[in-house]
C-alpha atoms as a PDB file:
ATOM      1  CA  MET A   1     -15.735   0.118 -46.574  1.00  0.00           C
ATOM      2  CA  SER A   2     -16.667  -3.492 -46.912  1.00  0.00           C
ATOM      3  CA  LYS A   3     -15.556  -6.288 -44.608  1.00  0.00           C
ATOM      4  CA  ASP A   4     -13.602  -7.922 -47.401  1.00  0.00           C
ATOM      5  CA  LEU A   5     -11.644  -4.758 -48.140  1.00  0.00           C
ATOM      6  CA  TYR A   6     -10.935  -4.225 -44.440  1.00  0.00           C
ATOM      7  CA  SER A   7      -9.759  -7.807 -43.966  1.00  0.00           C
ATOM      8  CA  GLU A   8      -7.501  -7.517 -47.043  1.00  0.00           C
ATOM      9  CA  ILE A   9      -5.986  -4.222 -45.813  1.00  0.00           C
ATOM     10  CA  SER A  10      -5.507  -5.604 -42.301  1.00  0.00           C
ATOM     11  CA  ALA A  11      -3.845  -8.731 -43.696  1.00  0.00           C
ATOM     12  CA  HIS A  12      -1.391  -6.673 -45.788  1.00  0.00           C
ATOM     13  CA  PHE A  13      -0.504  -4.225 -43.013  1.00  0.00           C
ATOM     14  CA  GLY A  14      -0.565  -6.707 -40.113  1.00  0.00           C
ATOM     15  CA  ILE A  15      -3.573  -5.175 -38.340  1.00  0.00           C
ATOM     16  CA  ASN A  16      -5.558  -7.564 -36.173  1.00  0.00           C
ATOM     17  CA  SER A  17      -9.294  -7.762 -36.525  1.00  0.00           C
ATOM     18  CA  VAL A  18     -11.399  -5.580 -34.273  1.00  0.00           C
ATOM     19  CA  GLU A  19     -12.748  -8.663 -32.521  1.00  0.00           C
ATOM     20  CA  ASN A  20      -9.202  -9.820 -31.704  1.00  0.00           C
ATOM     21  CA  LEU A  21      -8.129  -6.358 -30.533  1.00  0.00           C
ATOM     22  CA  VAL A  22     -11.146  -6.022 -28.251  1.00  0.00           C
ATOM     23  CA  GLY A  23     -10.760  -9.604 -27.018  1.00  0.00           C
ATOM     24  CA  ASN A  24      -7.057  -9.098 -26.245  1.00  0.00           C
ATOM     25  CA  ARG A  25      -7.747  -5.861 -24.421  1.00  0.00           C
ATOM     26  CA  ARG A  26     -10.553  -7.478 -22.411  1.00  0.00           C
ATOM     27  CA  ASN A  27      -8.330 -10.436 -21.502  1.00  0.00           C
ATOM     28  CA  ARG A  28      -5.501  -8.137 -20.370  1.00  0.00           C
ATOM     29  CA  PHE A  29      -7.970  -6.156 -18.237  1.00  0.00           C
ATOM     30  CA  ILE A  30      -9.454  -9.287 -16.671  1.00  0.00           C
ATOM     31  CA  ASN A  31      -6.056 -10.879 -16.041  1.00  0.00           C
ATOM     32  CA  ARG A  32      -4.739  -7.718 -14.404  1.00  0.00           C
ATOM     33  CA  HIS A  33      -7.696  -7.582 -12.005  1.00  0.00           C
ATOM     34  CA  VAL A  34      -7.700 -11.316 -11.376  1.00  0.00           C
ATOM     35  CA  GLU A  35      -4.034 -11.168 -10.333  1.00  0.00           C
ATOM     36  CA  THR A  36      -4.783  -8.202  -8.062  1.00  0.00           C
ATOM     37  CA  ASP A  37      -7.798  -9.997  -6.579  1.00  0.00           C
ATOM     38  CA  ILE A  38      -5.784 -13.175  -5.979  1.00  0.00           C
ATOM     39  CA  ILE A  39      -3.127 -11.181  -4.133  1.00  0.00           C
ATOM     40  CA  TYR A  40      -5.866  -9.425  -2.128  1.00  0.00           C
ATOM     41  CA  VAL A  41      -7.645 -12.694  -1.337  1.00  0.00           C
ATOM     42  CA  ASN A  42      -4.383 -14.354  -0.265  1.00  0.00           C
ATOM     43  CA  CYS A  43      -3.557 -11.356   1.921  1.00  0.00           C
ATOM     44  CA  CYS A  44      -7.011 -11.453   3.514  1.00  0.00           C
ATOM     45  CA  ALA A  45      -6.780 -15.217   4.013  1.00  0.00           C
ATOM     46  CA  ASP A  46      -3.432 -14.790   5.754  1.00  0.00           C
ATOM     47  CA  ARG A  47      -4.860 -12.082   7.983  1.00  0.00           C
ATOM     48  CA  PHE A  48      -7.918 -14.166   8.847  1.00  0.00           C
ATOM     49  CA  ALA A  49      -5.680 -17.120   9.640  1.00  0.00           C
ATOM     50  CA  CYS A  50      -3.575 -14.913  11.921  1.00  0.00           C
ATOM     51  CA  LEU A  51      -6.745 -13.561  13.507  1.00  0.00           C
ATOM     52  CA  GLY A  52      -7.993 -17.113  14.066  1.00  0.00           C
ATOM     53  CA  VAL A  53      -4.741 -18.121  15.726  1.00  0.00           C
ATOM     54  CA  PHE A  54      -4.866 -14.979  17.872  1.00  0.00           C
ATOM     55  CA  LEU A  55      -8.451 -15.672  18.949  1.00  0.00           C
ATOM     56  CA  ILE A  56      -7.636 -19.281  19.802  1.00  0.00           C
ATOM     57  CA  ARG A  57      -4.646 -18.182  21.897  1.00  0.00           C
ATOM     58  CA  LEU A  58      -6.744 -15.504  23.583  1.00  0.00           C
ATOM     59  CA  PHE A  59      -9.469 -18.031  24.373  1.00  0.00           C
ATOM     60  CA  ASN A  60      -6.929 -20.507  25.746  1.00  0.00           C
ATOM     61  CA  PHE A  61      -5.348 -17.792  27.891  1.00  0.00           C
ATOM     62  CA  CYS A  62      -8.724 -16.627  29.233  1.00  0.00           C
ATOM     63  CA  PHE A  63      -9.819 -20.197  29.877  1.00  0.00           C
ATOM     64  CA  ALA A  64      -6.559 -20.953  31.693  1.00  0.00           C
ATOM     65  CA  GLU A  65      -6.963 -17.806  33.820  1.00  0.00           C
ATOM     66  CA  PHE A  66     -10.557 -18.764  34.566  1.00  0.00           C
ATOM     67  CA  ILE A  67      -9.488 -22.247  35.690  1.00  0.00           C
ATOM     68  CA  HIS A  68      -6.631 -20.811  37.725  1.00  0.00           C
ATOM     69  CA  LEU A  69      -8.954 -18.312  39.411  1.00  0.00           C
ATOM     70  CA  PHE A  70     -11.659 -20.791  40.377  1.00  0.00           C
ATOM     71  CA  CYS A  71      -9.476 -23.812  41.083  1.00  0.00           C
ATOM     72  CA  VAL A  72      -6.444 -22.202  42.740  1.00  0.00           C
ATOM     73  CA  ARG A  73      -7.003 -18.637  43.937  1.00  0.00           C
ATOM     74  CA  LEU A  74     -10.542 -18.816  45.316  1.00  0.00           C
ATOM     75  CA  PRO A  75     -10.085 -22.084  47.212  1.00  0.00           C
ATOM     76  CA  TYR A  76      -6.816 -20.714  48.626  1.00  0.00           C
ATOM     77  CA  LYS A  77      -8.550 -17.503  49.796  1.00  0.00           C
ATOM     78  CA  MET A  78     -11.446 -19.483  51.225  1.00  0.00           C
ATOM     79  CA  ALA A  79      -9.066 -21.739  53.135  1.00  0.00           C
ATOM     80  CA  LYS A  80      -7.499 -18.727  54.887  1.00  0.00           C
END
């Protein structure tokens, strides 16, 4: 089969060229995985943001306890 005959048959029967079929399939594959990756990245970003907030709160709590221990409890015990 020649290219000309194939292109004429595909034009009459509405068949896309092989390049278009492969390109469309590749684009669908890439788009499906890109959407999945974007959802995954957004989910991970949300989790890292929550983890960051948690770590900041934990640090603030520990720092406040440290200050309370050395500025309030120990001097009070030493004064007794």
